[in-house]
Amino acid sequence: MYVHTITKIIEVSREYKLPLCLTFIDLKKAFKSLETEAAETLLTQGIPTQYIKKVKRNECWPTSIVYVGTLDCS
């Protein structure tokens, strides 16, 4: 997790008395497994098996940060 970044966001929010709402989503849990039908569909579309296996193992879910509004941390 990006502890320094989150800490800085909280500090700036408090300094400027801005409301702040942070949400953390565990994408591995949210998309724990790929349905068999979906995997078969990917195969029929010509997606290589190696990529389908990576999706099934949750190796390709990136960490995402979404900013709403503006925040100047300089």
PDB file of N, CA and C in Angstrom:
ATOM      1  N   MET A   1       0.853  -1.171   0.000  1.00  0.00           N
ATOM      2  CA  MET A   1       0.000   0.000   0.000  1.00  0.00           C
ATOM      3  C   MET A   1       0.898   1.233   0.000  1.00  0.00           C
ATOM      4  N   TYR A   2       0.401   2.301  -0.486  1.00  0.00           N
ATOM      5  CA  TYR A   2       1.140   3.543  -0.612  1.00  0.00           C
ATOM      6  C   TYR A   2       0.910   4.407   0.627  1.00  0.00           C
ATOM      7  N   VAL A   3       1.539   4.027   1.727  1.00  0.00           N
ATOM      8  CA  VAL A   3       1.302   4.663   3.020  1.00  0.00           C
ATOM      9  C   VAL A   3       1.685   6.141   2.988  1.00  0.00           C
ATOM     10  N   HIS A   4       2.818   6.468   2.392  1.00  0.00           N
ATOM     11  CA  HIS A   4       3.262   7.864   2.346  1.00  0.00           C
ATOM     12  C   HIS A   4       2.257   8.731   1.588  1.00  0.00           C
ATOM     13  N   THR A   5       1.807   8.254   0.449  1.00  0.00           N
ATOM     14  CA  THR A   5       0.846   9.008  -0.361  1.00  0.00           C
ATOM     15  C   THR A   5      -0.461   9.217   0.389  1.00  0.00           C
ATOM     16  N   ILE A   6      -0.954   8.164   1.004  1.00  0.00           N
ATOM     17  CA  ILE A   6      -2.215   8.261   1.753  1.00  0.00           C
ATOM     18  C   ILE A   6      -2.059   9.222   2.929  1.00  0.00           C
ATOM     19  N   THR A   7      -0.934   9.144   3.620  1.00  0.00           N
ATOM     20  CA  THR A   7      -0.674  10.045   4.739  1.00  0.00           C
ATOM     21  C   THR A   7      -0.657  11.496   4.267  1.00  0.00           C
ATOM     22  N   LYS A   8      -0.025  11.748   3.134  1.00  0.00           N
ATOM     23  CA  LYS A   8       0.047  13.107   2.581  1.00  0.00           C
ATOM     24  C   LYS A   8      -1.344  13.615   2.207  1.00  0.00           C
ATOM     25  N   ILE A   9      -2.157  12.765   1.607  1.00  0.00           N
ATOM     26  CA  ILE A   9      -3.524  13.149   1.243  1.00  0.00           C
ATOM     27  C   ILE A   9      -4.316  13.527   2.489  1.00  0.00           C
ATOM     28  N   ILE A  10      -4.173  12.751   3.540  1.00  0.00           N
ATOM     29  CA  ILE A  10      -4.875  13.037   4.797  1.00  0.00           C
ATOM     30  C   ILE A  10      -4.390  14.362   5.386  1.00  0.00           C
ATOM     31  N   GLU A  11      -3.073  14.588   5.371  1.00  0.00           N
ATOM     32  CA  GLU A  11      -2.516  15.835   5.902  1.00  0.00           C
ATOM     33  C   GLU A  11      -3.055  17.052   5.156  1.00  0.00           C
ATOM     34  N   VAL A  12      -3.048  16.992   3.828  1.00  0.00           N
ATOM     35  CA  VAL A  12      -3.525  18.120   3.019  1.00  0.00           C
ATOM     36  C   VAL A  12      -5.013  18.343   3.239  1.00  0.00           C
ATOM     37  N   SER A  13      -5.753  17.266   3.337  1.00  0.00           N
ATOM     38  CA  SER A  13      -7.191  17.366   3.586  1.00  0.00           C
ATOM     39  C   SER A  13      -7.462  18.077   4.911  1.00  0.00           C
ATOM     40  N   ARG A  14      -6.718  17.732   5.928  1.00  0.00           N
ATOM     41  CA  ARG A  14      -6.889  18.372   7.243  1.00  0.00           C
ATOM     42  C   ARG A  14      -6.431  19.831   7.205  1.00  0.00           C
ATOM     43  N   GLU A  15      -5.302  20.073   6.528  1.00  0.00           N
ATOM     44  CA  GLU A  15      -4.760  21.434   6.450  1.00  0.00           C
ATOM     45  C   GLU A  15      -5.757  22.400   5.808  1.00  0.00           C
ATOM     46  N   TYR A  16      -6.392  21.971   4.737  1.00  0.00           N
ATOM     47  CA  TYR A  16      -7.338  22.829   4.019  1.00  0.00           C
ATOM     48  C   TYR A  16      -8.785  22.599   4.450  1.00  0.00           C
ATOM     49  N   LYS A  17      -8.951  21.803   5.491  1.00  0.00           N
ATOM     50  CA  LYS A  17     -10.279  21.497   6.039  1.00  0.00           C
ATOM     51  C   LYS A  17     -11.245  21.016   4.952  1.00  0.00           C
ATOM     52  N   LEU A  18     -10.750  20.077   4.157  1.00  0.00           N
ATOM     53  CA  LEU A  18     -11.546  19.483   3.085  1.00  0.00           C
ATOM     54  C   LEU A  18     -12.081  18.131   3.537  1.00  0.00           C
ATOM     55  N   PRO A  19     -13.305  17.812   3.167  1.00  0.00           N
ATOM     56  CA  PRO A  19     -13.809  16.477   3.494  1.00  0.00           C
ATOM     57  C   PRO A  19     -13.028  15.427   2.703  1.00  0.00           C
ATOM     58  N   LEU A  20     -12.842  14.286   3.298  1.00  0.00           N
ATOM     59  CA  LEU A  20     -12.064  13.231   2.648  1.00  0.00           C
ATOM     60  C   LEU A  20     -12.726  11.887   2.894  1.00  0.00           C
ATOM     61  N   CYS A  21     -12.806  11.114   1.857  1.00  0.00           N
ATOM     62  CA  CYS A  21     -13.343   9.762   1.963  1.00  0.00           C
ATOM     63  C   CYS A  21     -12.405   8.838   1.197  1.00  0.00           C
ATOM     64  N   LEU A  22     -11.809   7.888   1.872  1.00  0.00           N
ATOM     65  CA  LEU A  22     -10.915   6.921   1.242  1.00  0.00           C
ATOM     66  C   LEU A  22     -11.603   5.567   1.202  1.00  0.00           C
ATOM     67  N   THR A  23     -11.499   4.911   0.073  1.00  0.00           N
ATOM     68  CA  THR A  23     -12.078   3.581  -0.081  1.00  0.00           C
ATOM     69  C   THR A  23     -10.997   2.645  -0.601  1.00  0.00           C
ATOM     70  N   PHE A  24     -10.856   1.515   0.043  1.00  0.00           N
ATOM     71  CA  PHE A  24      -9.880   0.521  -0.375  1.00  0.00           C
ATOM     72  C   PHE A  24     -10.633  -0.716  -0.850  1.00  0.00           C
ATOM     73  N   ILE A  25     -10.303  -1.154  -2.036  1.00  0.00           N
ATOM     74  CA  ILE A  25     -10.982  -2.307  -2.621  1.00  0.00           C
ATOM     75  C   ILE A  25      -9.945  -3.386  -2.904  1.00  0.00           C
ATOM     76  N   ASP A  26     -10.170  -4.563  -2.378  1.00  0.00           N
ATOM     77  CA  ASP A  26      -9.306  -5.705  -2.653  1.00  0.00           C
ATOM     78  C   ASP A  26      -9.805  -6.354  -3.938  1.00  0.00           C
ATOM     79  N   LEU A  27      -9.149  -6.021  -5.056  1.00  0.00           N
ATOM     80  CA  LEU A  27      -9.609  -6.521  -6.350  1.00  0.00           C
ATOM     81  C   LEU A  27      -9.454  -8.031  -6.471  1.00  0.00           C
ATOM     82  N   LYS A  28      -8.490  -8.604  -5.769  1.00  0.00           N
ATOM     83  CA  LYS A  28      -8.345 -10.061  -5.825  1.00  0.00           C
ATOM     84  C   LYS A  28      -9.556 -10.749  -5.218  1.00  0.00           C
ATOM     85  N   LYS A  29     -10.084 -10.188  -4.135  1.00  0.00           N
ATOM     86  CA  LYS A  29     -11.283 -10.768  -3.530  1.00  0.00           C
ATOM     87  C   LYS A  29     -12.516 -10.449  -4.358  1.00  0.00           C
ATOM     88  N   ALA A  30     -12.563  -9.239  -4.902  1.00  0.00           N
ATOM     89  CA  ALA A  30     -13.735  -8.833  -5.678  1.00  0.00           C
ATOM     90  C   ALA A  30     -13.878  -9.681  -6.940  1.00  0.00           C
ATOM     91  N   PHE A  31     -12.761 -10.042  -7.537  1.00  0.00           N
ATOM     92  CA  PHE A  31     -12.780 -10.841  -8.757  1.00  0.00           C
ATOM     93  C   PHE A  31     -12.028 -12.140  -8.520  1.00  0.00           C
ATOM     94  N   LYS A  32     -12.405 -12.858  -7.469  1.00  0.00           N
ATOM     95  CA  LYS A  32     -11.651 -14.023  -7.010  1.00  0.00           C
ATOM     96  C   LYS A  32     -11.464 -15.076  -8.096  1.00  0.00           C
ATOM     97  N   SER A  33     -12.473 -15.346  -8.862  1.00  0.00           N
ATOM     98  CA  SER A  33     -12.306 -16.375  -9.885  1.00  0.00           C
ATOM     99  C   SER A  33     -13.026 -15.977 -11.160  1.00  0.00           C
ATOM    100  N   LEU A  34     -12.546 -16.509 -12.227  1.00  0.00           N
ATOM    101  CA  LEU A  34     -13.148 -16.269 -13.529  1.00  0.00           C
ATOM    102  C   LEU A  34     -14.069 -17.438 -13.847  1.00  0.00           C
ATOM    103  N   GLU A  35     -15.296 -17.130 -14.205  1.00  0.00           N
ATOM    104  CA  GLU A  35     -16.258 -18.184 -14.514  1.00  0.00           C
ATOM    105  C   GLU A  35     -15.771 -19.012 -15.705  1.00  0.00           C
ATOM    106  N   THR A  36     -16.085 -20.293 -15.685  1.00  0.00           N
ATOM    107  CA  THR A  36     -15.682 -21.206 -16.755  1.00  0.00           C
ATOM    108  C   THR A  36     -16.201 -20.732 -18.102  1.00  0.00           C
ATOM    109  N   GLU A  37     -17.435 -20.286 -18.128  1.00  0.00           N
ATOM    110  CA  GLU A  37     -18.028 -19.817 -19.385  1.00  0.00           C
ATOM    111  C   GLU A  37     -17.256 -18.624 -19.950  1.00  0.00           C
ATOM    112  N   ALA A  38     -16.836 -17.730 -19.071  1.00  0.00           N
ATOM    113  CA  ALA A  38     -16.072 -16.566 -19.517  1.00  0.00           C
ATOM    114  C   ALA A  38     -14.721 -16.999 -20.084  1.00  0.00           C
ATOM    115  N   ALA A  39     -14.082 -17.972 -19.437  1.00  0.00           N
ATOM    116  CA  ALA A  39     -12.798 -18.476 -19.923  1.00  0.00           C
ATOM    117  C   ALA A  39     -12.964 -19.131 -21.290  1.00  0.00           C
ATOM    118  N   GLU A  40     -14.038 -19.882 -21.458  1.00  0.00           N
ATOM    119  CA  GLU A  40     -14.303 -20.513 -22.750  1.00  0.00           C
ATOM    120  C   GLU A  40     -14.537 -19.462 -23.828  1.00  0.00           C
ATOM    121  N   THR A  41     -15.220 -18.389 -23.470  1.00  0.00           N
ATOM    122  CA  THR A  41     -15.464 -17.306 -24.422  1.00  0.00           C
ATOM    123  C   THR A  41     -14.153 -16.664 -24.847  1.00  0.00           C
ATOM    124  N   LEU A  42     -13.259 -16.450 -23.892  1.00  0.00           N
ATOM    125  CA  LEU A  42     -11.954 -15.886 -24.231  1.00  0.00           C
ATOM    126  C   LEU A  42     -11.193 -16.806 -25.177  1.00  0.00           C
ATOM    127  N   LEU A  43     -11.270 -18.107 -24.922  1.00  0.00           N
ATOM    128  CA  LEU A  43     -10.608 -19.078 -25.804  1.00  0.00           C
ATOM    129  C   LEU A  43     -11.170 -19.014 -27.219  1.00  0.00           C
ATOM    130  N   THR A  44     -12.495 -18.941 -27.333  1.00  0.00           N
ATOM    131  CA  THR A  44     -13.108 -18.900 -28.671  1.00  0.00           C
ATOM    132  C   THR A  44     -12.772 -17.606 -29.407  1.00  0.00           C
ATOM    133  N   GLN A  45     -12.402 -16.561 -28.662  1.00  0.00           N
ATOM    134  CA  GLN A  45     -12.018 -15.292 -29.281  1.00  0.00           C
ATOM    135  C   GLN A  45     -10.534 -15.257 -29.642  1.00  0.00           C
ATOM    136  N   GLY A  46      -9.845 -16.368 -29.389  1.00  0.00           N
ATOM    137  CA  GLY A  46      -8.444 -16.469 -29.777  1.00  0.00           C
ATOM    138  C   GLY A  46      -7.453 -15.933 -28.754  1.00  0.00           C
ATOM    139  N   ILE A  47      -7.904 -15.700 -27.535  1.00  0.00           N
ATOM    140  CA  ILE A  47      -6.989 -15.234 -26.486  1.00  0.00           C
ATOM    141  C   ILE A  47      -6.113 -16.414 -26.066  1.00  0.00           C
ATOM    142  N   PRO A  48      -4.785 -16.243 -26.073  1.00  0.00           N
ATOM    143  CA  PRO A  48      -3.899 -17.344 -25.694  1.00  0.00           C
ATOM    144  C   PRO A  48      -4.171 -17.845 -24.269  1.00  0.00           C
ATOM    145  N   THR A  49      -4.044 -19.145 -24.100  1.00  0.00           N
ATOM    146  CA  THR A  49      -4.304 -19.803 -22.817  1.00  0.00           C
ATOM    147  C   THR A  49      -3.472 -19.207 -21.690  1.00  0.00           C
ATOM    148  N   GLN A  50      -2.231 -18.829 -21.983  1.00  0.00           N
ATOM    149  CA  GLN A  50      -1.361 -18.281 -20.937  1.00  0.00           C
ATOM    150  C   GLN A  50      -1.961 -17.023 -20.309  1.00  0.00           C
ATOM    151  N   TYR A  51      -2.653 -16.202 -21.100  1.00  0.00           N
ATOM    152  CA  TYR A  51      -3.261 -14.985 -20.564  1.00  0.00           C
ATOM    153  C   TYR A  51      -4.515 -15.307 -19.757  1.00  0.00           C
ATOM    154  N   ILE A  52      -5.262 -16.279 -20.212  1.00  0.00           N
ATOM    155  CA  ILE A  52      -6.466 -16.689 -19.481  1.00  0.00           C
ATOM    156  C   ILE A  52      -6.071 -17.240 -18.116  1.00  0.00           C
ATOM    157  N   LYS A  53      -4.989 -18.011 -18.065  1.00  0.00           N
ATOM    158  CA  LYS A  53      -4.509 -18.548 -16.786  1.00  0.00           C
ATOM    159  C   LYS A  53      -4.099 -17.422 -15.841  1.00  0.00           C
ATOM    160  N   LYS A  54      -3.451 -16.386 -16.379  1.00  0.00           N
ATOM    161  CA  LYS A  54      -3.054 -15.250 -15.545  1.00  0.00           C
ATOM    162  C   LYS A  54      -4.276 -14.544 -14.980  1.00  0.00           C
ATOM    163  N   VAL A  55      -5.305 -14.384 -15.793  1.00  0.00           N
ATOM    164  CA  VAL A  55      -6.533 -13.749 -15.318  1.00  0.00           C
ATOM    165  C   VAL A  55      -7.157 -14.602 -14.225  1.00  0.00           C
ATOM    166  N   LYS A  56      -7.179 -15.913 -14.425  1.00  0.00           N
ATOM    167  CA  LYS A  56      -7.751 -16.816 -13.418  1.00  0.00           C
ATOM    168  C   LYS A  56      -6.988 -16.746 -12.104  1.00  0.00           C
ATOM    169  N   ARG A  57      -5.666 -16.563 -12.194  1.00  0.00           N
ATOM    170  CA  ARG A  57      -4.838 -16.499 -10.982  1.00  0.00           C
ATOM    171  C   ARG A  57      -4.753 -15.078 -10.425  1.00  0.00           C
ATOM    172  N   ASN A  58      -5.491 -14.166 -11.027  1.00  0.00           N
ATOM    173  CA  ASN A  58      -5.521 -12.766 -10.573  1.00  0.00           C
ATOM    174  C   ASN A  58      -4.152 -12.105 -10.631  1.00  0.00           C
ATOM    175  N   GLU A  59      -3.370 -12.412 -11.667  1.00  0.00           N
ATOM    176  CA  GLU A  59      -2.044 -11.819 -11.778  1.00  0.00           C
ATOM    177  C   GLU A  59      -2.055 -10.495 -12.529  1.00  0.00           C
ATOM    178  N   CYS A  60      -3.182 -10.129 -13.087  1.00  0.00           N
ATOM    179  CA  CYS A  60      -3.173  -8.931 -13.922  1.00  0.00           C
ATOM    180  C   CYS A  60      -4.054  -7.817 -13.383  1.00  0.00           C
ATOM    181  N   TRP A  61      -4.496  -7.913 -12.129  1.00  0.00           N
ATOM    182  CA  TRP A  61      -5.322  -6.841 -11.562  1.00  0.00           C
ATOM    183  C   TRP A  61      -4.404  -5.785 -10.978  1.00  0.00           C
ATOM    184  N   PRO A  62      -4.395  -4.605 -11.550  1.00  0.00           N
ATOM    185  CA  PRO A  62      -3.510  -3.556 -11.042  1.00  0.00           C
ATOM    186  C   PRO A  62      -4.065  -2.899  -9.784  1.00  0.00           C
ATOM    187  N   THR A  63      -3.195  -2.242  -9.095  1.00  0.00           N
ATOM    188  CA  THR A  63      -3.626  -1.398  -7.989  1.00  0.00           C
ATOM    189  C   THR A  63      -4.053  -0.075  -8.588  1.00  0.00           C
ATOM    190  N   SER A  64      -5.175   0.434  -8.175  1.00  0.00           N
ATOM    191  CA  SER A  64      -5.687   1.672  -8.738  1.00  0.00           C
ATOM    192  C   SER A  64      -5.940   2.696  -7.649  1.00  0.00           C
ATOM    193  N   ILE A  65      -5.673   3.933  -7.988  1.00  0.00           N
ATOM    194  CA  ILE A  65      -5.997   5.045  -7.112  1.00  0.00           C
ATOM    195  C   ILE A  65      -6.866   5.990  -7.922  1.00  0.00           C
ATOM    196  N   VAL A  66      -7.991   6.366  -7.365  1.00  0.00           N
ATOM    197  CA  VAL A  66      -8.908   7.266  -8.057  1.00  0.00           C
ATOM    198  C   VAL A  66      -8.970   8.566  -7.283  1.00  0.00           C
ATOM    199  N   TYR A  67      -8.681   9.672  -7.951  1.00  0.00           N
ATOM    200  CA  TYR A  67      -8.767  10.986  -7.334  1.00  0.00           C
ATOM    201  C   TYR A  67     -10.049  11.658  -7.787  1.00  0.00           C
ATOM    202  N   VAL A  68     -10.799  12.179  -6.841  1.00  0.00           N
ATOM    203  CA  VAL A  68     -12.010  12.919  -7.155  1.00  0.00           C
ATOM    204  C   VAL A  68     -11.758  14.360  -6.746  1.00  0.00           C
ATOM    205  N   GLY A  69     -11.896  15.278  -7.679  1.00  0.00           N
ATOM    206  CA  GLY A  69     -11.573  16.672  -7.391  1.00  0.00           C
ATOM    207  C   GLY A  69     -10.094  16.896  -7.623  1.00  0.00           C
ATOM    208  N   THR A  70      -9.565  17.949  -7.034  1.00  0.00           N
ATOM    209  CA  THR A  70      -8.148  18.247  -7.220  1.00  0.00           C
ATOM    210  C   THR A  70      -7.449  18.241  -5.876  1.00  0.00           C
ATOM    211  N   LEU A  71      -6.184  17.908  -5.913  1.00  0.00           N
ATOM    212  CA  LEU A  71      -5.383  17.863  -4.698  1.00  0.00           C
ATOM    213  C   LEU A  71      -3.957  18.225  -5.071  1.00  0.00           C
ATOM    214  N   ASP A  72      -3.457  19.306  -4.537  1.00  0.00           N
ATOM    215  CA  ASP A  72      -2.095  19.746  -4.811  1.00  0.00           C
ATOM    216  C   ASP A  72      -1.234  19.391  -3.612  1.00  0.00           C
ATOM    217  N   CYS A  73      -0.362  18.407  -3.785  1.00  0.00           N
ATOM    218  CA  CYS A  73       0.464  17.931  -2.669  1.00  0.00           C
ATOM    219  C   CYS A  73       1.873  18.506  -2.712  1.00  0.00           C
ATOM    220  N   SER A  74       2.088  19.577  -3.476  1.00  0.00           N
ATOM    221  CA  SER A  74       3.442  20.127  -3.585  1.00  0.00           C
ATOM    222  C   SER A  74       3.800  21.003  -2.412  1.00  0.00           C
TER     223      SER A  74
END
